[in-house]
Protein backbone atom coordinates (compact mmCIF):
# COMPACT_ATOMS: atom_id res chain seq x y z
CA UNK A 1 -0.03 0.08 -0.11
CA UNK A 2 2.80 2.44 0.72
CA UNK A 3 4.41 1.94 -2.74
CA UNK A 4 1.06 2.34 -4.23
CA UNK A 5 0.36 5.80 -2.40
CA UNK A 6 3.86 7.01 -3.30
CA UNK A 7 2.97 6.12 -7.01
CA UNK A 8 0.01 8.09 -6.53
CA UNK A 9 1.78 11.06 -4.97
CA UNK A 10 4.32 11.42 -7.52
CA UNK A 11 1.56 11.27 -10.36
CA UNK A 12 -0.14 14.01 -8.56
CA UNK A 13 2.75 16.24 -7.87
CA UNK A 14 4.04 16.17 -11.47
CA UNK A 15 0.63 16.63 -13.13
CA UNK A 16 0.23 19.73 -10.97
CA UNK A 17 1.07 22.72 -12.93
CA UNK A 18 2.02 20.54 -16.00
CA UNK A 19 1.34 23.53 -18.48
CA UNK A 20 3.97 25.44 -16.41
CA UNK A 21 6.67 22.36 -16.25
CA UNK A 22 8.82 23.62 -19.14
CA UNK A 23 9.23 27.06 -17.57
CA UNK A 24 9.79 25.92 -14.25
CA UNK A 25 12.27 23.60 -14.97
CA UNK A 26 14.70 26.06 -17.09
CA UNK A 27 14.52 28.17 -13.63
CA UNK A 28 14.67 25.13 -11.31
CA UNK A 29 17.68 23.31 -12.64
CA UNK A 30 20.55 25.86 -13.45
CA UNK A 31 22.45 23.60 -15.63
CA UNK A 32 19.43 22.23 -17.59
CA UNK A 33 20.86 22.83 -21.09
CA UNK A 34 24.39 21.45 -20.18
CA UNK A 35 22.45 18.18 -19.04
CA UNK A 36 20.61 17.74 -22.09
CA UNK A 37 23.49 18.60 -24.36
CA UNK A 38 25.71 16.28 -22.74
CA UNK A 39 23.49 13.53 -22.82
CA UNK A 40 22.45 13.70 -26.51
CA UNK A 41 26.23 14.07 -27.13
CA UNK A 42 26.73 10.85 -25.39
CA UNK A 43 24.10 9.11 -26.93
CA UNK A 44 26.10 7.31 -29.98
CA UNK A 45 25.07 4.03 -31.42
CA UNK A 46 25.78 2.34 -34.71
CA UNK A 47 22.16 2.18 -35.68
CA UNK A 48 21.49 5.46 -37.60
CA UNK A 49 17.73 4.88 -36.56
CA UNK A 50 18.05 3.93 -33.16
CA UNK A 51 14.98 2.90 -31.12
CA UNK A 52 14.89 5.26 -27.96
CA UNK A 53 13.11 5.13 -24.89
CA UNK A 54 12.96 8.01 -22.65
CA UNK A 55 11.97 7.11 -19.02
CA UNK A 56 9.90 9.84 -17.20
CA UNK A 57 9.75 11.81 -20.37
CA UNK A 58 7.61 14.44 -18.99
CA UNK A 59 6.87 16.99 -21.84
CA UNK A 60 9.44 15.56 -24.10
CA UNK A 61 12.25 18.28 -23.29
CA UNK A 62 14.89 15.91 -23.59
CA UNK A 63 13.36 13.71 -26.51
CA UNK A 64 13.29 17.03 -28.47
CA UNK A 65 16.95 17.64 -28.33
CA UNK A 66 17.34 13.62 -29.15
CA UNK A 67 15.01 14.22 -31.95
CA UNK A 68 17.21 16.86 -33.37
CA UNK A 69 20.12 14.24 -33.79
CA UNK A 70 18.09 11.48 -34.66
CA UNK A 71 15.17 12.71 -36.80
CA UNK A 72 14.51 9.12 -38.22
CA UNK A 73 14.87 7.51 -34.89
CA UNK A 74 12.09 5.42 -33.23
CA UNK A 75 10.79 6.89 -30.05
CA UNK A 76 8.88 5.72 -27.01
CA UNK A 77 8.16 8.27 -24.09
CA UNK A 78 6.92 6.83 -21.07
CA UNK A 79 5.71 8.74 -17.90
CA UNK A 80 3.34 8.49 -14.91
CA UNK A 81 1.53 11.77 -15.89
CA UNK A 82 -0.89 11.67 -18.80
CA UNK A 83 -0.93 15.39 -18.52
CA UNK A 84 2.40 16.03 -19.06
CA UNK A 85 2.66 13.50 -22.15
CA UNK A 86 -0.45 15.26 -23.44
CA UNK A 87 2.09 18.24 -23.91
CA UNK A 88 4.64 16.00 -25.51
CA UNK A 89 2.23 14.65 -27.91
CA UNK A 90 1.26 18.19 -29.08
CA UNK A 91 5.16 18.92 -29.17
CA UNK A 92 5.86 15.77 -31.57
CA UNK A 93 2.29 15.70 -33.47
CA UNK A 94 3.91 16.27 -36.76
CA UNK A 95 6.80 13.83 -36.10
CA UNK A 96 6.97 10.10 -37.30
CA UNK A 97 7.80 6.97 -35.15
CA UNK A 98 6.64 8.19 -31.81
CA UNK A 99 4.82 6.32 -28.96
CA UNK A 100 3.48 7.73 -25.59
CA UNK A 101 2.79 5.26 -22.56
CA UNK A 102 1.18 6.53 -19.49
CA UNK A 103 2.80 4.01 -16.76
CA UNK A 104 4.95 3.14 -14.04
CA UNK A 105 8.17 2.40 -15.58
CA UNK A 106 8.93 -0.10 -12.69
CA UNK A 107 5.96 -2.14 -13.23
CA UNK A 108 5.32 -1.64 -17.26
CA UNK A 109 6.76 -3.91 -19.78
CA UNK A 110 9.00 -1.73 -22.14
CA UNK A 111 7.95 -4.12 -25.01
CA UNK A 112 11.08 -4.54 -26.90
CA UNK A 113 14.83 -3.55 -26.88
CA UNK A 114 16.37 -0.39 -27.35
CA UNK A 115 19.45 1.17 -28.68
CA UNK A 116 19.51 4.19 -26.28
CA UNK A 117 17.60 4.56 -22.83
CA UNK A 118 17.56 7.79 -21.36
CA UNK A 119 16.04 9.61 -18.19
CA UNK A 120 16.29 12.84 -16.84
CA UNK A 121 15.88 14.23 -13.26
CA UNK A 122 13.28 11.23 -12.56
CA UNK A 123 15.07 8.16 -11.24
CA UNK A 124 16.12 9.87 -8.03
CA UNK A 125 12.39 9.99 -6.80
CA UNK A 126 12.79 6.10 -6.56
CA UNK A 127 13.63 4.18 -3.36
CA UNK A 128 17.25 2.95 -3.72
CA UNK A 129 16.30 -0.78 -4.32
CA UNK A 130 13.92 0.38 -6.93
CA UNK A 131 16.65 2.35 -8.60
CA UNK A 132 18.82 -0.64 -9.02
CA UNK A 133 15.95 -2.98 -10.10
CA UNK A 134 15.30 -0.15 -12.96
CA UNK A 135 19.12 -0.33 -13.91
CA UNK A 136 18.78 -3.90 -14.29
CA UNK A 137 15.45 -3.57 -16.20
CA UNK A 138 17.06 -1.17 -18.43
CA UNK A 139 20.24 -3.40 -19.12
CA UNK A 140 17.80 -6.40 -19.97
CA UNK A 141 16.00 -4.21 -22.58
CA UNK A 142 19.03 -2.42 -24.28
CA UNK A 143 20.60 -4.25 -27.48
CA UNK A 144 24.04 -5.05 -27.57
CA UNK A 145 26.20 -2.24 -27.90
CA UNK A 146 23.27 -0.06 -26.64
CA UNK A 147 23.74 3.12 -24.21
CA UNK A 148 21.98 4.10 -20.99
CA UNK A 149 22.25 7.67 -20.18
CA UNK A 150 20.93 9.47 -16.74
CA UNK A 151 20.94 12.80 -16.35
CA UNK A 152 19.92 13.00 -12.58
CA UNK A 153 20.36 14.27 -8.97
CA UNK A 154 22.83 12.61 -6.68
CA UNK A 155 23.49 12.66 -2.97
CA UNK A 156 26.41 14.55 -1.32
CA UNK A 157 29.20 11.81 -0.10
CA UNK A 158 28.96 13.66 3.01
CA UNK A 159 26.60 16.04 4.90
CA UNK A 160 28.68 18.98 4.25
CA UNK A 161 28.76 18.51 0.66
CA UNK A 162 24.62 17.98 0.67
CA UNK A 163 24.30 21.00 2.66
CA UNK A 164 26.51 23.11 0.02
CA UNK A 165 24.55 21.57 -2.99
CA UNK A 166 21.09 22.78 -1.24
CA UNK A 167 22.76 26.22 -0.45
CA UNK A 168 23.66 26.69 -3.91
CA UNK A 169 20.21 25.69 -5.49
CA UNK A 170 18.33 27.93 -2.85
CA UNK A 171 20.67 30.87 -4.24
CA UNK A 172 19.62 30.30 -8.01
CA UNK A 173 15.81 29.71 -7.09
CA UNK A 174 16.06 33.08 -5.24
CA UNK A 175 17.34 34.72 -8.23
CA UNK A 176 15.20 32.82 -10.89
CA UNK A 177 11.99 35.30 -10.69
CA UNK A 178 9.52 32.40 -9.89
CA UNK A 179 6.37 33.05 -8.29
CA UNK A 180 5.72 31.93 -4.73
CA UNK A 181 3.11 29.62 -5.90
CA UNK A 182 5.58 28.37 -8.57
CA UNK A 183 8.19 27.79 -5.82
CA UNK A 184 5.56 26.12 -3.34
CA UNK A 185 5.22 23.40 -6.34
CA UNK A 186 8.61 22.78 -6.81
CA UNK A 187 9.23 22.68 -3.18
CA UNK A 188 6.57 20.02 -2.72
CA UNK A 189 7.66 17.92 -5.50
CA UNK A 190 11.41 18.30 -3.90
CA UNK A 191 9.77 16.29 -0.80
CA UNK A 192 9.87 13.16 -2.86
CA UNK A 193 13.12 13.26 -3.65
CA UNK A 194 15.55 10.33 -2.56
CA UNK A 195 18.68 10.57 -4.16
CA UNK A 196 21.42 8.30 -4.00
CA UNK A 197 25.14 8.98 -3.93
CA UNK A 198 27.34 8.85 -6.98
CA UNK A 199 29.38 6.07 -5.55
CA UNK A 200 26.15 3.84 -4.99
CA UNK A 201 24.81 4.61 -8.56
CA UNK A 202 28.18 3.27 -9.78
CA UNK A 203 28.28 0.33 -7.78
CA UNK A 204 24.68 -0.77 -9.07
CA UNK A 205 25.51 -0.11 -12.71
CA UNK A 206 28.63 -1.97 -12.79
CA UNK A 207 27.28 -4.99 -10.62
CA UNK A 208 24.42 -5.27 -13.26
CA UNK A 209 26.91 -5.53 -16.21
CA UNK A 210 27.28 -2.14 -17.70
CA UNK A 211 30.70 -1.11 -18.92
CA UNK A 212 32.50 2.02 -19.38
CA UNK A 213 30.34 3.52 -16.41
CA UNK A 214 31.18 7.03 -15.99
CA UNK A 215 30.17 10.44 -14.93
CA UNK A 216 30.32 12.80 -17.84
CA UNK A 217 29.22 15.83 -16.13
CA UNK A 218 28.66 17.00 -12.67
CA UNK A 219 27.30 20.62 -11.46
CA UNK A 220 26.95 19.96 -7.51
CA UNK A 221 24.05 17.46 -7.21
CA UNK A 222 23.52 17.21 -10.94
CA UNK A 223 25.04 14.50 -13.05
CA UNK A 224 25.21 12.69 -16.20
CA UNK A 225 25.78 9.08 -15.80
CA UNK A 226 26.53 6.67 -18.67
CA UNK A 227 26.76 2.94 -18.87
CA UNK A 228 26.99 0.72 -22.13
CA UNK A 229 25.75 -2.89 -22.72
CA UNK A 230 28.40 -5.09 -24.77
């Protein structure tokens, strides 16, 4: 029951203010464009028309960047929030080879194999055992040579680091010009954050069998993690 309740709360929080989400995210994540740019730069596979899965795709912001790189790719966008995905559907209404799935990615069958699996600012909401479970699921659904790239948040290795992460983030929020109501929505979402350490993320990915595991970008608590299936 607790798991179901958490699932419902996540869905509610991210459906709330879906129309304002894109604007908020650019204010809330000070390095957002870097996260997207580096994720796309790392999304290199031999297939010129790759099958791409975006987990926690939201309104399709990351997918938009990937579609610019792979206009002939085959895309599946999966998210808890139907409201979010409706915005993504509008964004890609004229694009070919797009599918959208409203589902919990821990429970949903991905229905196929993929060359590239990405996620941005989503997996840190999971409990730690579920993060590892999802990483294992991603690995099983990657084609040989496929890559997994996760642009996400991590916890500091020590309390002092975590305190500095939060201080920096609050400073950026205070300078963002967001309204009080927008800030309240964002802070409400933050209550659901459960980031793991960088070390734990590395450990899980490598235990599962990913190779070339690395962090290609880090700005305070924001990182781009990479792993490949051979």
